[in-house]
C-alpha atoms as a PDB file:
ATOM      1  CA  UNK A   1     -21.917  88.701 -44.894  1.00  0.00           C
ATOM      2  CA  UNK A   2     -18.123  88.507 -44.863  1.00  0.00           C
ATOM      3  CA  UNK A   3     -16.534  86.044 -47.288  1.00  0.00           C
ATOM      4  CA  UNK A   4     -14.004  83.708 -45.658  1.00  0.00           C
ATOM      5  CA  UNK A   5     -10.448  84.630 -46.580  1.00  0.00           C
ATOM      6  CA  UNK A   6      -7.730  82.293 -47.891  1.00  0.00           C
ATOM      7  CA  UNK A   7      -6.418  81.542 -44.386  1.00  0.00           C
ATOM      8  CA  UNK A   8      -9.805  80.415 -43.061  1.00  0.00           C
ATOM      9  CA  UNK A   9     -10.459  78.399 -46.235  1.00  0.00           C
ATOM     10  CA  UNK A  10      -7.093  76.657 -45.784  1.00  0.00           C
ATOM     11  CA  UNK A  11      -7.915  75.890 -42.157  1.00  0.00           C
ATOM     12  CA  UNK A  12     -11.229  74.377 -43.186  1.00  0.00           C
ATOM     13  CA  UNK A  13      -9.536  72.269 -45.853  1.00  0.00           C
ATOM     14  CA  UNK A  14      -6.894  71.036 -43.413  1.00  0.00           C
ATOM     15  CA  UNK A  15      -9.619  70.177 -40.895  1.00  0.00           C
ATOM     16  CA  UNK A  16     -11.423  68.156 -43.563  1.00  0.00           C
ATOM     17  CA  UNK A  17      -8.209  66.354 -44.473  1.00  0.00           C
ATOM     18  CA  UNK A  18      -7.432  65.696 -40.804  1.00  0.00           C
ATOM     19  CA  UNK A  19     -10.862  64.122 -40.326  1.00  0.00           C
ATOM     20  CA  UNK A  20     -10.419  61.927 -43.415  1.00  0.00           C
ATOM     21  CA  UNK A  21      -6.960  60.806 -42.323  1.00  0.00           C
ATOM     22  CA  UNK A  22      -8.294  60.116 -38.850  1.00  0.00           C
ATOM     23  CA  UNK A  23     -11.028  57.940 -40.364  1.00  0.00           C
ATOM     24  CA  UNK A  24      -8.331  56.042 -42.248  1.00  0.00           C
ATOM     25  CA  UNK A  25      -6.367  55.463 -39.010  1.00  0.00           C
ATOM     26  CA  UNK A  26      -9.369  54.540 -36.881  1.00  0.00           C
ATOM     27  CA  UNK A  27     -11.176  52.560 -39.553  1.00  0.00           C
ATOM     28  CA  UNK A  28      -8.705  49.685 -39.572  1.00  0.00           C
ATOM     29  CA  UNK A  29      -7.115  50.518 -42.922  1.00  0.00           C
ATOM     30  CA  UNK A  30      -3.817  51.125 -41.156  1.00  0.00           C
ATOM     31  CA  UNK A  31      -2.297  49.690 -37.996  1.00  0.00           C
ATOM     32  CA  UNK A  32       0.244  51.114 -35.527  1.00  0.00           C
ATOM     33  CA  UNK A  33       3.604  51.304 -37.254  1.00  0.00           C
ATOM     34  CA  UNK A  34       2.127  51.311 -40.762  1.00  0.00           C
ATOM     35  CA  UNK A  35       3.185  54.138 -43.091  1.00  0.00           C
ATOM     36  CA  UNK A  36       0.593  56.553 -44.375  1.00  0.00           C
ATOM     37  CA  UNK A  37       0.447  57.406 -48.094  1.00  0.00           C
ATOM     38  CA  UNK A  38       3.079  59.881 -49.225  1.00  0.00           C
ATOM     39  CA  UNK A  39       2.295  63.585 -49.390  1.00  0.00           C
ATOM     40  CA  UNK A  40       2.055  63.356 -53.168  1.00  0.00           C
ATOM     41  CA  UNK A  41      -0.355  60.398 -52.956  1.00  0.00           C
ATOM     42  CA  UNK A  42      -2.514  62.217 -50.425  1.00  0.00           C
ATOM     43  CA  UNK A  43      -2.519  65.356 -52.567  1.00  0.00           C
ATOM     44  CA  UNK A  44      -3.768  63.309 -55.540  1.00  0.00           C
ATOM     45  CA  UNK A  45      -6.305  61.317 -53.490  1.00  0.00           C
ATOM     46  CA  UNK A  46      -7.758  64.283 -51.636  1.00  0.00           C
ATOM     47  CA  UNK A  47      -7.372  66.987 -54.264  1.00  0.00           C
ATOM     48  CA  UNK A  48      -5.572  69.505 -52.047  1.00  0.00           C
ATOM     49  CA  UNK A  49      -2.154  71.145 -51.991  1.00  0.00           C
ATOM     50  CA  UNK A  50       0.931  70.203 -49.972  1.00  0.00           C
ATOM     51  CA  UNK A  51       0.475  72.964 -47.311  1.00  0.00           C
ATOM     52  CA  UNK A  52      -3.005  71.628 -46.472  1.00  0.00           C
ATOM     53  CA  UNK A  53      -1.691  68.056 -46.176  1.00  0.00           C
ATOM     54  CA  UNK A  54       1.170  69.157 -43.938  1.00  0.00           C
ATOM     55  CA  UNK A  55      -1.077  71.206 -41.682  1.00  0.00           C
ATOM     56  CA  UNK A  56      -3.444  68.263 -41.220  1.00  0.00           C
ATOM     57  CA  UNK A  57      -0.536  65.893 -40.554  1.00  0.00           C
ATOM     58  CA  UNK A  58       0.976  68.252 -37.989  1.00  0.00           C
ATOM     59  CA  UNK A  59      -2.348  68.359 -36.142  1.00  0.00           C
ATOM     60  CA  UNK A  60      -2.419  64.557 -36.026  1.00  0.00           C
ATOM     61  CA  UNK A  61       1.180  64.469 -34.813  1.00  0.00           C
ATOM     62  CA  UNK A  62       0.403  66.942 -32.046  1.00  0.00           C
ATOM     63  CA  UNK A  63      -2.469  64.679 -30.992  1.00  0.00           C
ATOM     64  CA  UNK A  64      -0.022  61.781 -30.714  1.00  0.00           C
ATOM     65  CA  UNK A  65      -1.710  59.765 -33.475  1.00  0.00           C
ATOM     66  CA  UNK A  66       1.075  59.730 -36.050  1.00  0.00           C
ATOM     67  CA  UNK A  67       4.860  60.065 -36.052  1.00  0.00           C
ATOM     68  CA  UNK A  68       6.639  62.279 -38.578  1.00  0.00           C
ATOM     69  CA  UNK A  69      10.350  61.852 -39.252  1.00  0.00           C
ATOM     70  CA  UNK A  70      12.376  63.895 -41.707  1.00  0.00           C
ATOM     71  CA  UNK A  71      12.841  62.098 -45.007  1.00  0.00           C
ATOM     72  CA  UNK A  72      10.361  59.324 -44.205  1.00  0.00           C
ATOM     73  CA  UNK A  73       6.651  58.777 -44.676  1.00  0.00           C
ATOM     74  CA  UNK A  74       4.509  59.492 -41.645  1.00  0.00           C
ATOM     75  CA  UNK A  75       3.542  56.417 -39.657  1.00  0.00           C
ATOM     76  CA  UNK A  76       0.636  55.558 -37.388  1.00  0.00           C
ATOM     77  CA  UNK A  77       1.888  55.925 -33.813  1.00  0.00           C
ATOM     78  CA  UNK A  78       2.001  53.009 -31.418  1.00  0.00           C
ATOM     79  CA  UNK A  79      -0.656  53.421 -28.704  1.00  0.00           C
ATOM     80  CA  UNK A  80       0.973  54.758 -25.559  1.00  0.00           C
ATOM     81  CA  UNK A  81      -0.473  55.990 -22.291  1.00  0.00           C
ATOM     82  CA  UNK A  82       2.690  58.002 -21.753  1.00  0.00           C
ATOM     83  CA  UNK A  83       2.275  59.727 -25.110  1.00  0.00           C
ATOM     84  CA  UNK A  84      -1.318  60.504 -24.280  1.00  0.00           C
ATOM     85  CA  UNK A  85      -0.272  62.150 -21.015  1.00  0.00           C
ATOM     86  CA  UNK A  86       2.434  64.118 -22.816  1.00  0.00           C
ATOM     87  CA  UNK A  87      -0.179  65.605 -25.145  1.00  0.00           C
ATOM     88  CA  UNK A  88      -1.831  67.475 -22.265  1.00  0.00           C
ATOM     89  CA  UNK A  89       1.410  68.600 -20.620  1.00  0.00           C
ATOM     90  CA  UNK A  90       1.633  71.928 -22.434  1.00  0.00           C
ATOM     91  CA  UNK A  91      -1.942  72.806 -21.492  1.00  0.00           C
ATOM     92  CA  UNK A  92      -1.238  71.789 -17.902  1.00  0.00           C
ATOM     93  CA  UNK A  93       1.910  73.929 -17.892  1.00  0.00           C
ATOM     94  CA  UNK A  94      -0.136  76.947 -18.956  1.00  0.00           C
ATOM     95  CA  UNK A  95      -2.740  76.290 -16.262  1.00  0.00           C
ATOM     96  CA  UNK A  96      -0.171  75.788 -13.506  1.00  0.00           C
ATOM     97  CA  UNK A  97       1.684  78.964 -14.383  1.00  0.00           C
ATOM     98  CA  UNK A  98      -1.365  81.191 -14.655  1.00  0.00           C
ATOM     99  CA  UNK A  99      -4.003  79.648 -12.385  1.00  0.00           C
ATOM    100  CA  UNK A 100      -3.370  79.339  -8.627  1.00  0.00           C
ATOM    101  CA  UNK A 101      -6.699  77.530  -8.298  1.00  0.00           C
ATOM    102  CA  UNK A 102      -5.544  74.850 -10.735  1.00  0.00           C
ATOM    103  CA  UNK A 103      -2.418  74.291  -8.661  1.00  0.00           C
ATOM    104  CA  UNK A 104      -4.504  73.745  -5.531  1.00  0.00           C
ATOM    105  CA  UNK A 105      -6.789  71.375  -7.437  1.00  0.00           C
ATOM    106  CA  UNK A 106      -3.777  69.428  -8.695  1.00  0.00           C
ATOM    107  CA  UNK A 107      -2.363  69.073  -5.175  1.00  0.00           C
ATOM    108  CA  UNK A 108      -5.722  67.837  -3.914  1.00  0.00           C
ATOM    109  CA  UNK A 109      -6.054  65.394  -6.811  1.00  0.00           C
ATOM    110  CA  UNK A 110      -2.548  64.075  -6.220  1.00  0.00           C
ATOM    111  CA  UNK A 111      -3.237  63.491  -2.521  1.00  0.00           C
ATOM    112  CA  UNK A 112      -6.393  61.501  -3.259  1.00  0.00           C
ATOM    113  CA  UNK A 113      -4.688  59.564  -6.041  1.00  0.00           C
ATOM    114  CA  UNK A 114      -1.566  58.711  -4.024  1.00  0.00           C
ATOM    115  CA  UNK A 115      -3.627  57.531  -1.072  1.00  0.00           C
ATOM    116  CA  UNK A 116      -5.562  55.131  -3.287  1.00  0.00           C
ATOM    117  CA  UNK A 117      -2.345  53.899  -4.924  1.00  0.00           C
ATOM    118  CA  UNK A 118      -0.867  53.156  -1.491  1.00  0.00           C
ATOM    119  CA  UNK A 119      -4.062  51.372  -0.473  1.00  0.00           C
ATOM    120  CA  UNK A 120      -3.981  49.282  -3.635  1.00  0.00           C
ATOM    121  CA  UNK A 121      -0.276  48.525  -3.209  1.00  0.00           C
ATOM    122  CA  UNK A 122      -0.881  47.180   0.304  1.00  0.00           C
ATOM    123  CA  UNK A 123      -3.384  44.714  -1.133  1.00  0.00           C
ATOM    124  CA  UNK A 124      -1.281  43.599  -4.112  1.00  0.00           C
ATOM    125  CA  UNK A 125       2.422  44.031  -3.339  1.00  0.00           C
ATOM    126  CA  UNK A 126       4.655  40.984  -3.580  1.00  0.00           C
ATOM    127  CA  UNK A 127       8.254  40.525  -2.391  1.00  0.00           C
ATOM    128  CA  UNK A 128       9.708  41.829  -5.666  1.00  0.00           C
ATOM    129  CA  UNK A 129       7.584  44.993  -5.421  1.00  0.00           C
ATOM    130  CA  UNK A 130       8.786  45.667  -1.877  1.00  0.00           C
ATOM    131  CA  UNK A 131      12.382  45.046  -2.936  1.00  0.00           C
ATOM    132  CA  UNK A 132      11.996  47.550  -5.771  1.00  0.00           C
ATOM    133  CA  UNK A 133      10.664  50.214  -3.402  1.00  0.00           C
ATOM    134  CA  UNK A 134      13.487  49.585  -0.935  1.00  0.00           C
ATOM    135  CA  UNK A 135      16.063  49.831  -3.730  1.00  0.00           C
ATOM    136  CA  UNK A 136      14.642  53.145  -4.883  1.00  0.00           C
ATOM    137  CA  UNK A 137      14.791  54.597  -1.372  1.00  0.00           C
ATOM    138  CA  UNK A 138      18.349  53.298  -0.919  1.00  0.00           C
ATOM    139  CA  UNK A 139      19.345  54.971  -4.176  1.00  0.00           C
ATOM    140  CA  UNK A 140      17.594  58.138  -3.044  1.00  0.00           C
ATOM    141  CA  UNK A 141      19.572  58.078   0.213  1.00  0.00           C
ATOM    142  CA  UNK A 142      22.777  57.986  -1.846  1.00  0.00           C
ATOM    143  CA  UNK A 143      21.666  61.139  -3.674  1.00  0.00           C
ATOM    144  CA  UNK A 144      21.424  63.473  -0.663  1.00  0.00           C
ATOM    145  CA  UNK A 145      24.048  65.781  -2.148  1.00  0.00           C
ATOM    146  CA  UNK A 146      22.332  65.815  -5.568  1.00  0.00           C
ATOM    147  CA  UNK A 147      19.017  67.708  -5.260  1.00  0.00           C
ATOM    148  CA  UNK A 148      17.828  67.091  -8.829  1.00  0.00           C
ATOM    149  CA  UNK A 149      18.557  63.356  -8.707  1.00  0.00           C
ATOM    150  CA  UNK A 150      16.981  63.137  -5.254  1.00  0.00           C
ATOM    151  CA  UNK A 151      13.785  64.693  -6.634  1.00  0.00           C
ATOM    152  CA  UNK A 152      13.665  62.390  -9.639  1.00  0.00           C
ATOM    153  CA  UNK A 153      14.046  59.357  -7.381  1.00  0.00           C
ATOM    154  CA  UNK A 154      11.251  60.758  -5.233  1.00  0.00           C
ATOM    155  CA  UNK A 155       9.053  60.701  -8.307  1.00  0.00           C
ATOM    156  CA  UNK A 156      10.192  57.162  -9.126  1.00  0.00           C
ATOM    157  CA  UNK A 157       9.232  56.004  -5.617  1.00  0.00           C
ATOM    158  CA  UNK A 158       5.660  57.182  -6.098  1.00  0.00           C
ATOM    159  CA  UNK A 159       5.529  55.754  -9.612  1.00  0.00           C
ATOM    160  CA  UNK A 160       6.772  52.392  -8.316  1.00  0.00           C
ATOM    161  CA  UNK A 161       3.896  52.335  -5.839  1.00  0.00           C
ATOM    162  CA  UNK A 162       1.375  53.086  -8.593  1.00  0.00           C
ATOM    163  CA  UNK A 163       2.922  50.383 -10.790  1.00  0.00           C
ATOM    164  CA  UNK A 164       2.122  47.736  -8.157  1.00  0.00           C
ATOM    165  CA  UNK A 165      -1.511  48.130  -9.245  1.00  0.00           C
ATOM    166  CA  UNK A 166      -0.607  46.399 -12.499  1.00  0.00           C
ATOM    167  CA  UNK A 167      -2.425  49.173 -14.382  1.00  0.00           C
ATOM    168  CA  UNK A 168      -0.087  51.166 -16.670  1.00  0.00           C
ATOM    169  CA  UNK A 169      -2.500  54.104 -16.694  1.00  0.00           C
ATOM    170  CA  UNK A 170      -2.028  54.622 -12.957  1.00  0.00           C
ATOM    171  CA  UNK A 171       1.763  54.454 -13.311  1.00  0.00           C
ATOM    172  CA  UNK A 172       1.744  56.989 -16.156  1.00  0.00           C
ATOM    173  CA  UNK A 173      -0.586  59.289 -14.238  1.00  0.00           C
ATOM    174  CA  UNK A 174       1.611  59.124 -11.135  1.00  0.00           C
ATOM    175  CA  UNK A 175       4.601  60.049 -13.261  1.00  0.00           C
ATOM    176  CA  UNK A 176       2.702  62.931 -14.870  1.00  0.00           C
ATOM    177  CA  UNK A 177       1.404  64.382 -11.601  1.00  0.00           C
ATOM    178  CA  UNK A 178       4.885  64.454 -10.115  1.00  0.00           C
ATOM    179  CA  UNK A 179       6.499  65.707 -13.332  1.00  0.00           C
ATOM    180  CA  UNK A 180       4.038  68.594 -13.698  1.00  0.00           C
ATOM    181  CA  UNK A 181       4.807  69.777 -10.186  1.00  0.00           C
ATOM    182  CA  UNK A 182       8.547  69.195 -10.547  1.00  0.00           C
ATOM    183  CA  UNK A 183       8.768  70.948 -13.909  1.00  0.00           C
ATOM    184  CA  UNK A 184       6.514  73.889 -13.205  1.00  0.00           C
ATOM    185  CA  UNK A 185       6.535  74.275  -9.391  1.00  0.00           C
ATOM    186  CA  UNK A 186       9.702  72.592  -8.157  1.00  0.00           C
ATOM    187  CA  UNK A 187       9.239  74.304  -4.790  1.00  0.00           C
ATOM    188  CA  UNK A 188       6.228  72.022  -4.254  1.00  0.00           C
ATOM    189  CA  UNK A 189       8.203  68.776  -4.477  1.00  0.00           C
ATOM    190  CA  UNK A 190      11.432  69.776  -2.785  1.00  0.00           C
ATOM    191  CA  UNK A 191      12.441  71.655   0.368  1.00  0.00           C
ATOM    192  CA  UNK A 192      16.181  71.815   1.067  1.00  0.00           C
ATOM    193  CA  UNK A 193      16.928  70.288   4.453  1.00  0.00           C
ATOM    194  CA  UNK A 194      13.887  67.985   4.502  1.00  0.00           C
ATOM    195  CA  UNK A 195      15.564  65.066   2.733  1.00  0.00           C
ATOM    196  CA  UNK A 196      16.036  62.967   5.889  1.00  0.00           C
ATOM    197  CA  UNK A 197      12.350  63.350   6.737  1.00  0.00           C
ATOM    198  CA  UNK A 198      11.379  62.354   3.200  1.00  0.00           C
ATOM    199  CA  UNK A 199      13.475  59.184   3.406  1.00  0.00           C
ATOM    200  CA  UNK A 200      12.096  58.251   6.819  1.00  0.00           C
ATOM    201  CA  UNK A 201       8.524  58.681   5.621  1.00  0.00           C
ATOM    202  CA  UNK A 202       9.205  56.684   2.465  1.00  0.00           C
ATOM    203  CA  UNK A 203      10.461  53.823   4.631  1.00  0.00           C
ATOM    204  CA  UNK A 204       7.361  54.094   6.822  1.00  0.00           C
ATOM    205  CA  UNK A 205       5.155  53.875   3.742  1.00  0.00           C
ATOM    206  CA  UNK A 206       7.004  50.750   2.570  1.00  0.00           C
ATOM    207  CA  UNK A 207       6.500  49.167   5.985  1.00  0.00           C
ATOM    208  CA  UNK A 208       2.781  49.972   5.891  1.00  0.00           C
ATOM    209  CA  UNK A 209       2.456  48.477   2.405  1.00  0.00           C
ATOM    210  CA  UNK A 210       4.383  45.386   3.502  1.00  0.00           C
ATOM    211  CA  UNK A 211       1.998  44.928   6.444  1.00  0.00           C
ATOM    212  CA  UNK A 212      -0.915  44.526   4.029  1.00  0.00           C
ATOM    213  CA  UNK A 213      -2.940  47.097   5.977  1.00  0.00           C
ATOM    214  CA  UNK A 214      -4.483  49.190   3.205  1.00  0.00           C
ATOM    215  CA  UNK A 215      -5.929  51.883   5.471  1.00  0.00           C
ATOM    216  CA  UNK A 216      -2.621  52.317   7.289  1.00  0.00           C
ATOM    217  CA  UNK A 217      -0.731  52.581   4.017  1.00  0.00           C
ATOM    218  CA  UNK A 218      -3.154  55.265   2.782  1.00  0.00           C
ATOM    219  CA  UNK A 219      -2.868  57.139   6.086  1.00  0.00           C
ATOM    220  CA  UNK A 220       0.929  57.062   5.965  1.00  0.00           C
ATOM    221  CA  UNK A 221       0.863  58.407   2.414  1.00  0.00           C
ATOM    222  CA  UNK A 222      -1.547  61.178   3.431  1.00  0.00           C
ATOM    223  CA  UNK A 223       0.634  62.116   6.405  1.00  0.00           C
ATOM    224  CA  UNK A 224       3.688  62.181   4.131  1.00  0.00           C
ATOM    225  CA  UNK A 225       2.139  64.455   1.515  1.00  0.00           C
ATOM    226  CA  UNK A 226       0.365  66.705   4.015  1.00  0.00           C
ATOM    227  CA  UNK A 227       3.520  67.216   6.071  1.00  0.00           C
ATOM    228  CA  UNK A 228       5.387  67.942   2.863  1.00  0.00           C
ATOM    229  CA  UNK A 229       2.768  70.500   1.828  1.00  0.00           C
ATOM    230  CA  UNK A 230       3.118  72.201   5.219  1.00  0.00           C
ATOM    231  CA  UNK A 231       6.887  72.365   4.782  1.00  0.00           C
ATOM    232  CA  UNK A 232       6.524  73.769   1.285  1.00  0.00           C
ATOM    233  CA  UNK A 233       4.191  76.491   2.537  1.00  0.00           C
ATOM    234  CA  UNK A 234       6.607  77.454   5.326  1.00  0.00           C
ATOM    235  CA  UNK A 235       9.502  77.516   2.898  1.00  0.00           C
ATOM    236  CA  UNK A 236       7.530  79.728   0.521  1.00  0.00           C
ATOM    237  CA  UNK A 237       6.859  82.197   3.345  1.00  0.00           C
ATOM    238  CA  UNK A 238      10.597  82.241   4.060  1.00  0.00           C
END
């Protein structure tokens, strides 16, 4: 039987330390914003060296559970849906680059999600929500000569619709879905020359939401995304 080498022993130690630190964070001994013990204190408490402590802390930082700043003690991170979404972005980037099936699944998931967000918005939107959507589209219309800004405002329009739900998880997810496509497959959220159609469809979606007809709002959103997908496919074929 092979004896574990120093590297594997270190990994096991850092895993043990990570679990113990996690228990400290989740057990109520610390609250968001509270500093963790210093590296020296943790070394003394846990009986391990500085490299093991740092490896465990880095794993917790990557999980979005603590914040590490140079020259300061690590602190428990404030809970954030946005931070949670960011943690999976690198894995999603890898999947989108290397798995065509994942891209198709993401497009299907976005369509279903956006339809439900439009349906929910039609039931809950107030005057201030409709004004916000109209302002975003007006700003988008002023960005016709700025493709990157136009795209970002496109993403904001969809996020604004999700935000009408009052659920910050939906808003963060809307932002993530658009951002993943924009960052890793920009051709799937933008077709040069289709800006006028995008604006017209955005205005139609606002009108459907304003009418309070949830099914119509969902149908308008589906038509918008499906027509866009058709344009993207034609553009890809050249």
